[in-house]
PDB file of N, CA and C in Angstrom:
ATOM      1  N   UNK A   1     114.965 -44.911 136.493  1.00  0.00           N
ATOM      2  CA  UNK A   1     114.693 -43.537 136.919  1.00  0.00           C
ATOM      3  C   UNK A   1     115.886 -42.938 137.242  1.00  0.00           C
ATOM      4  N   UNK A   2     116.255 -41.595 136.882  1.00  0.00           N
ATOM      5  CA  UNK A   2     117.514 -40.937 137.208  1.00  0.00           C
ATOM      6  C   UNK A   2     117.174 -39.493 137.837  1.00  0.00           C
ATOM      7  N   UNK A   3     117.843 -39.064 138.803  1.00  0.00           N
ATOM      8  CA  UNK A   3     117.555 -37.736 139.428  1.00  0.00           C
ATOM      9  C   UNK A   3     118.232 -36.682 138.532  1.00  0.00           C
ATOM     10  N   UNK A   4     117.612 -35.652 137.987  1.00  0.00           N
ATOM     11  CA  UNK A   4     118.279 -34.524 137.284  1.00  0.00           C
ATOM     12  C   UNK A   4     118.753 -33.563 138.221  1.00  0.00           C
ATOM     13  N   UNK A   5     118.229 -33.259 139.184  1.00  0.00           N
ATOM     14  CA  UNK A   5     118.629 -32.169 140.176  1.00  0.00           C
ATOM     15  C   UNK A   5     117.857 -32.474 141.525  1.00  0.00           C
ATOM     16  N   UNK A   6     118.473 -31.908 142.670  1.00  0.00           N
ATOM     17  CA  UNK A   6     117.795 -31.935 143.870  1.00  0.00           C
ATOM     18  C   UNK A   6     118.110 -30.746 144.666  1.00  0.00           C
ATOM     19  N   UNK A   7     117.436 -30.347 145.572  1.00  0.00           N
ATOM     20  CA  UNK A   7     117.894 -29.191 146.540  1.00  0.00           C
ATOM     21  C   UNK A   7     118.604 -29.490 147.492  1.00  0.00           C
ATOM     22  N   UNK A   8     118.740 -30.771 148.115  1.00  0.00           N
ATOM     23  CA  UNK A   8     119.303 -31.212 149.199  1.00  0.00           C
ATOM     24  C   UNK A   8     120.967 -31.101 149.040  1.00  0.00           C
ATOM     25  N   UNK A   9     121.512 -30.312 149.701  1.00  0.00           N
ATOM     26  CA  UNK A   9     123.017 -30.099 149.647  1.00  0.00           C
ATOM     27  C   UNK A   9     123.928 -31.188 150.220  1.00  0.00           C
ATOM     28  N   UNK A  10     123.428 -31.701 151.373  1.00  0.00           N
ATOM     29  CA  UNK A  10     124.124 -32.484 152.121  1.00  0.00           C
ATOM     30  C   UNK A  10     123.865 -33.951 151.384  1.00  0.00           C
ATOM     31  N   UNK A  11     124.958 -34.429 150.694  1.00  0.00           N
ATOM     32  CA  UNK A  11     124.741 -35.833 149.997  1.00  0.00           C
ATOM     33  C   UNK A  11     126.170 -36.702 150.198  1.00  0.00           C
ATOM     34  N   UNK A  12     125.682 -37.788 150.738  1.00  0.00           N
ATOM     35  CA  UNK A  12     126.898 -38.849 150.820  1.00  0.00           C
ATOM     36  C   UNK A  12     126.781 -40.079 150.153  1.00  0.00           C
ATOM     37  N   UNK A  13     127.638 -40.140 148.943  1.00  0.00           N
ATOM     38  CA  UNK A  13     127.722 -41.345 148.202  1.00  0.00           C
ATOM     39  C   UNK A  13     128.065 -42.481 149.101  1.00  0.00           C
ATOM     40  N   UNK A  14     127.677 -43.616 148.951  1.00  0.00           N
ATOM     41  CA  UNK A  14     128.068 -44.695 149.708  1.00  0.00           C
ATOM     42  C   UNK A  14     127.536 -46.055 149.423  1.00  0.00           C
ATOM     43  N   UNK A  15     127.865 -47.040 150.190  1.00  0.00           N
ATOM     44  CA  UNK A  15     127.289 -48.534 150.052  1.00  0.00           C
ATOM     45  C   UNK A  15     126.582 -49.018 151.152  1.00  0.00           C
ATOM     46  N   UNK A  16     125.617 -49.711 150.958  1.00  0.00           N
ATOM     47  CA  UNK A  16     124.752 -50.115 152.103  1.00  0.00           C
ATOM     48  C   UNK A  16     125.734 -51.251 152.762  1.00  0.00           C
ATOM     49  N   UNK A  17     125.896 -51.064 154.051  1.00  0.00           N
ATOM     50  CA  UNK A  17     126.509 -51.978 154.909  1.00  0.00           C
ATOM     51  C   UNK A  17     125.763 -53.191 155.511  1.00  0.00           C
ATOM     52  N   UNK A  18     124.695 -52.585 155.971  1.00  0.00           N
ATOM     53  CA  UNK A  18     123.695 -53.416 156.740  1.00  0.00           C
ATOM     54  C   UNK A  18     122.270 -52.995 156.793  1.00  0.00           C
ATOM     55  N   UNK A  19     121.307 -53.948 156.701  1.00  0.00           N
ATOM     56  CA  UNK A  19     119.873 -53.436 156.954  1.00  0.00           C
ATOM     57  C   UNK A  19     119.329 -54.274 157.951  1.00  0.00           C
ATOM     58  N   UNK A  20     118.722 -53.446 159.073  1.00  0.00           N
ATOM     59  CA  UNK A  20     118.034 -54.366 160.121  1.00  0.00           C
ATOM     60  C   UNK A  20     116.638 -53.940 159.965  1.00  0.00           C
ATOM     61  N   UNK A  21     115.880 -55.054 159.388  1.00  0.00           N
ATOM     62  CA  UNK A  21     114.480 -55.058 159.038  1.00  0.00           C
ATOM     63  C   UNK A  21     113.607 -55.132 160.036  1.00  0.00           C
ATOM     64  N   UNK A  22     112.464 -54.255 160.364  1.00  0.00           N
ATOM     65  CA  UNK A  22     111.571 -54.485 161.090  1.00  0.00           C
ATOM     66  C   UNK A  22     110.186 -54.458 160.401  1.00  0.00           C
ATOM     67  N   UNK A  23     109.058 -54.928 161.139  1.00  0.00           N
ATOM     68  CA  UNK A  23     107.813 -55.139 160.527  1.00  0.00           C
ATOM     69  C   UNK A  23     107.349 -53.838 159.793  1.00  0.00           C
ATOM     70  N   UNK A  24     107.512 -52.591 160.096  1.00  0.00           N
ATOM     71  CA  UNK A  24     107.114 -51.477 159.654  1.00  0.00           C
ATOM     72  C   UNK A  24     108.419 -50.554 159.153  1.00  0.00           C
ATOM     73  N   UNK A  25     109.282 -50.415 160.100  1.00  0.00           N
ATOM     74  CA  UNK A  25     110.596 -49.415 159.746  1.00  0.00           C
ATOM     75  C   UNK A  25     111.719 -50.323 159.823  1.00  0.00           C
ATOM     76  N   UNK A  26     112.774 -49.965 159.196  1.00  0.00           N
ATOM     77  CA  UNK A  26     114.125 -50.633 158.904  1.00  0.00           C
ATOM     78  C   UNK A  26     115.120 -49.666 159.089  1.00  0.00           C
ATOM     79  N   UNK A  27     116.332 -49.958 159.599  1.00  0.00           N
ATOM     80  CA  UNK A  27     117.553 -49.222 159.774  1.00  0.00           C
ATOM     81  C   UNK A  27     118.390 -49.673 158.437  1.00  0.00           C
ATOM     82  N   UNK A  28     119.030 -48.755 157.852  1.00  0.00           N
ATOM     83  CA  UNK A  28     119.839 -48.737 156.821  1.00  0.00           C
ATOM     84  C   UNK A  28     121.181 -48.182 157.130  1.00  0.00           C
ATOM     85  N   UNK A  29     122.242 -48.945 157.180  1.00  0.00           N
ATOM     86  CA  UNK A  29     123.547 -48.226 157.486  1.00  0.00           C
ATOM     87  C   UNK A  29     124.391 -48.115 156.241  1.00  0.00           C
ATOM     88  N   UNK A  30     124.660 -46.867 156.034  1.00  0.00           N
ATOM     89  CA  UNK A  30     125.390 -46.623 154.625  1.00  0.00           C
ATOM     90  C   UNK A  30     126.810 -46.411 155.016  1.00  0.00           C
ATOM     91  N   UNK A  31     127.707 -46.949 154.376  1.00  0.00           N
ATOM     92  CA  UNK A  31     129.145 -46.629 154.530  1.00  0.00           C
ATOM     93  C   UNK A  31     129.771 -45.733 153.587  1.00  0.00           C
ATOM     94  N   UNK A  32     130.164 -44.433 154.164  1.00  0.00           N
ATOM     95  CA  UNK A  32     130.600 -43.426 153.174  1.00  0.00           C
ATOM     96  C   UNK A  32     132.151 -42.971 153.533  1.00  0.00           C
ATOM     97  N   UNK A  33     132.524 -42.179 152.651  1.00  0.00           N
ATOM     98  CA  UNK A  33     133.991 -41.819 153.084  1.00  0.00           C
ATOM     99  C   UNK A  33     133.939 -40.824 154.402  1.00  0.00           C
ATOM    100  N   UNK A  34     132.874 -40.352 154.796  1.00  0.00           N
ATOM    101  CA  UNK A  34     132.803 -39.540 156.074  1.00  0.00           C
ATOM    102  C   UNK A  34     132.414 -40.376 157.361  1.00  0.00           C
ATOM    103  N   UNK A  35     132.032 -41.763 157.114  1.00  0.00           N
ATOM    104  CA  UNK A  35     131.728 -42.709 158.185  1.00  0.00           C
ATOM    105  C   UNK A  35     130.372 -43.276 157.983  1.00  0.00           C
ATOM    106  N   UNK A  36     129.705 -43.779 158.810  1.00  0.00           N
ATOM    107  CA  UNK A  36     128.502 -44.524 158.669  1.00  0.00           C
ATOM    108  C   UNK A  36     127.509 -43.604 158.777  1.00  0.00           C
ATOM    109  N   UNK A  37     126.527 -43.450 157.856  1.00  0.00           N
ATOM    110  CA  UNK A  37     125.247 -42.705 158.006  1.00  0.00           C
ATOM    111  C   UNK A  37     124.101 -43.707 158.099  1.00  0.00           C
ATOM    112  N   UNK A  38     123.268 -43.544 159.119  1.00  0.00           N
ATOM    113  CA  UNK A  38     122.194 -44.488 159.374  1.00  0.00           C
ATOM    114  C   UNK A  38     120.755 -43.643 159.026  1.00  0.00           C
ATOM    115  N   UNK A  39     119.974 -44.598 158.209  1.00  0.00           N
ATOM    116  CA  UNK A  39     118.657 -43.952 157.866  1.00  0.00           C
ATOM    117  C   UNK A  39     117.561 -44.880 158.440  1.00  0.00           C
ATOM    118  N   UNK A  40     116.620 -44.141 158.935  1.00  0.00           N
ATOM    119  CA  UNK A  40     115.166 -45.219 159.263  1.00  0.00           C
ATOM    120  C   UNK A  40     114.290 -44.924 158.246  1.00  0.00           C
ATOM    121  N   UNK A  41     113.904 -45.948 157.579  1.00  0.00           N
ATOM    122  CA  UNK A  41     112.870 -45.693 156.419  1.00  0.00           C
ATOM    123  C   UNK A  41     111.973 -46.947 156.608  1.00  0.00           C
ATOM    124  N   UNK A  42     110.794 -46.889 155.779  1.00  0.00           N
ATOM    125  CA  UNK A  42     109.772 -47.851 155.944  1.00  0.00           C
ATOM    126  C   UNK A  42     110.512 -49.214 155.221  1.00  0.00           C
ATOM    127  N   UNK A  43     109.926 -50.417 155.907  1.00  0.00           N
ATOM    128  CA  UNK A  43     110.341 -51.531 155.200  1.00  0.00           C
ATOM    129  C   UNK A  43     109.910 -51.711 153.861  1.00  0.00           C
ATOM    130  N   UNK A  44     108.796 -51.083 153.659  1.00  0.00           N
ATOM    131  CA  UNK A  44     108.179 -51.109 152.324  1.00  0.00           C
ATOM    132  C   UNK A  44     109.190 -50.472 151.169  1.00  0.00           C
ATOM    133  N   UNK A  45     109.706 -49.369 151.781  1.00  0.00           N
ATOM    134  CA  UNK A  45     110.531 -48.671 150.816  1.00  0.00           C
ATOM    135  C   UNK A  45     111.752 -49.485 150.370  1.00  0.00           C
ATOM    136  N   UNK A  46     112.260 -50.289 151.490  1.00  0.00           N
ATOM    137  CA  UNK A  46     113.370 -51.246 151.252  1.00  0.00           C
ATOM    138  C   UNK A  46     113.048 -52.076 150.126  1.00  0.00           C
ATOM    139  N   UNK A  47     111.923 -52.623 150.147  1.00  0.00           N
ATOM    140  CA  UNK A  47     111.461 -53.809 149.131  1.00  0.00           C
ATOM    141  C   UNK A  47     111.391 -53.028 147.760  1.00  0.00           C
ATOM    142  N   UNK A  48     110.606 -51.949 147.805  1.00  0.00           N
ATOM    143  CA  UNK A  48     110.250 -51.249 146.552  1.00  0.00           C
ATOM    144  C   UNK A  48     111.760 -50.619 145.870  1.00  0.00           C
ATOM    145  N   UNK A  49     112.557 -50.285 146.659  1.00  0.00           N
ATOM    146  CA  UNK A  49     113.714 -49.924 146.043  1.00  0.00           C
ATOM    147  C   UNK A  49     114.812 -51.002 145.757  1.00  0.00           C
ATOM    148  N   UNK A  50     114.633 -52.102 146.251  1.00  0.00           N
ATOM    149  CA  UNK A  50     115.361 -53.198 146.128  1.00  0.00           C
ATOM    150  C   UNK A  50     116.630 -53.105 146.740  1.00  0.00           C
ATOM    151  N   UNK A  51     116.697 -52.520 147.992  1.00  0.00           N
ATOM    152  CA  UNK A  51     117.994 -52.138 148.747  1.00  0.00           C
ATOM    153  C   UNK A  51     118.464 -53.506 149.349  1.00  0.00           C
ATOM    154  N   UNK A  52     119.727 -53.692 149.328  1.00  0.00           N
ATOM    155  CA  UNK A  52     120.261 -54.823 149.906  1.00  0.00           C
ATOM    156  C   UNK A  52     121.877 -54.483 150.247  1.00  0.00           C
ATOM    157  N   UNK A  53     122.363 -55.084 151.182  1.00  0.00           N
ATOM    158  CA  UNK A  53     123.819 -54.775 151.435  1.00  0.00           C
ATOM    159  C   UNK A  53     124.467 -54.944 150.096  1.00  0.00           C
ATOM    160  N   UNK A  54     125.375 -53.996 150.077  1.00  0.00           N
ATOM    161  CA  UNK A  54     126.297 -53.914 148.754  1.00  0.00           C
ATOM    162  C   UNK A  54     125.727 -52.883 147.778  1.00  0.00           C
ATOM    163  N   UNK A  55     124.607 -52.559 147.912  1.00  0.00           N
ATOM    164  CA  UNK A  55     123.913 -51.647 146.932  1.00  0.00           C
ATOM    165  C   UNK A  55     124.551 -50.155 147.085  1.00  0.00           C
ATOM    166  N   UNK A  56     124.863 -49.627 145.927  1.00  0.00           N
ATOM    167  CA  UNK A  56     125.506 -48.234 145.824  1.00  0.00           C
ATOM    168  C   UNK A  56     124.185 -47.262 145.942  1.00  0.00           C
ATOM    169  N   UNK A  57     124.316 -46.355 146.748  1.00  0.00           N
ATOM    170  CA  UNK A  57     123.279 -45.411 147.199  1.00  0.00           C
ATOM    171  C   UNK A  57     123.805 -43.950 147.396  1.00  0.00           C
ATOM    172  N   UNK A  58     123.062 -43.050 147.589  1.00  0.00           N
ATOM    173  CA  UNK A  58     123.177 -41.689 148.102  1.00  0.00           C
ATOM    174  C   UNK A  58     122.363 -41.333 149.192  1.00  0.00           C
ATOM    175  N   UNK A  59     122.790 -41.026 150.317  1.00  0.00           N
ATOM    176  CA  UNK A  59     122.288 -40.690 151.467  1.00  0.00           C
ATOM    177  C   UNK A  59     122.059 -39.105 151.491  1.00  0.00           C
ATOM    178  N   UNK A  60     120.748 -38.596 151.427  1.00  0.00           N
ATOM    179  CA  UNK A  60     120.476 -37.244 151.423  1.00  0.00           C
ATOM    180  C   UNK A  60     120.126 -36.675 152.856  1.00  0.00           C
ATOM    181  N   UNK A  61     120.685 -35.795 153.523  1.00  0.00           N
ATOM    182  CA  UNK A  61     120.508 -35.448 154.716  1.00  0.00           C
ATOM    183  C   UNK A  61     119.960 -33.998 154.669  1.00  0.00           C
ATOM    184  N   UNK A  62     118.753 -33.670 155.033  1.00  0.00           N
ATOM    185  CA  UNK A  62     118.027 -32.369 155.231  1.00  0.00           C
ATOM    186  C   UNK A  62     117.626 -32.127 156.460  1.00  0.00           C
ATOM    187  N   UNK A  63     117.990 -31.329 157.363  1.00  0.00           N
ATOM    188  CA  UNK A  63     117.542 -31.007 158.448  1.00  0.00           C
ATOM    189  C   UNK A  63     117.415 -29.545 158.876  1.00  0.00           C
ATOM    190  N   UNK A  64     116.346 -29.218 159.713  1.00  0.00           N
ATOM    191  CA  UNK A  64     116.379 -27.843 160.213  1.00  0.00           C
ATOM    192  C   UNK A  64     116.937 -27.491 161.346  1.00  0.00           C
ATOM    193  N   UNK A  65     117.612 -28.798 162.079  1.00  0.00           N
ATOM    194  CA  UNK A  65     118.151 -28.469 163.369  1.00  0.00           C
ATOM    195  C   UNK A  65     119.194 -29.535 163.406  1.00  0.00           C
ATOM    196  N   UNK A  66     120.314 -29.158 163.964  1.00  0.00           N
ATOM    197  CA  UNK A  66     121.348 -30.044 164.197  1.00  0.00           C
ATOM    198  C   UNK A  66     121.894 -29.780 165.627  1.00  0.00           C
ATOM    199  N   UNK A  67     121.799 -30.724 166.582  1.00  0.00           N
ATOM    200  CA  UNK A  67     121.844 -30.636 167.978  1.00  0.00           C
ATOM    201  C   UNK A  67     123.713 -30.962 168.146  1.00  0.00           C
ATOM    202  N   UNK A  68     124.329 -30.165 168.955  1.00  0.00           N
ATOM    203  CA  UNK A  68     125.807 -30.472 169.407  1.00  0.00           C
ATOM    204  C   UNK A  68     125.807 -30.788 170.842  1.00  0.00           C
ATOM    205  N   UNK A  69     126.789 -31.663 171.227  1.00  0.00           N
ATOM    206  CA  UNK A  69     126.875 -31.944 172.781  1.00  0.00           C
ATOM    207  C   UNK A  69     128.511 -31.828 173.043  1.00  0.00           C
ATOM    208  N   UNK A  70     128.704 -31.151 174.097  1.00  0.00           N
ATOM    209  CA  UNK A  70     130.236 -31.051 174.187  1.00  0.00           C
ATOM    210  C   UNK A  70     130.671 -32.341 174.959  1.00  0.00           C
ATOM    211  N   UNK A  71     131.926 -32.907 174.556  1.00  0.00           N
ATOM    212  CA  UNK A  71     132.543 -33.978 175.212  1.00  0.00           C
ATOM    213  C   UNK A  71     133.334 -33.584 176.385  1.00  0.00           C
TER     214      UNK A  71
END
């Protein structure tokens, strides 16, 4: 399968650094040039996509809200 086009503009190419699997949900840490991007997806999706540390992926970020905190 290949993606011809997608409307998500915030895309981060990277490599999976770590996967913390849970019974239903899992955390996927993707190392990108901008830093680590963490995604929470279903464990079923981890298996179906055959994701593992070292896999090259694209993290798509689409949000209607971005919060900012002053340091």
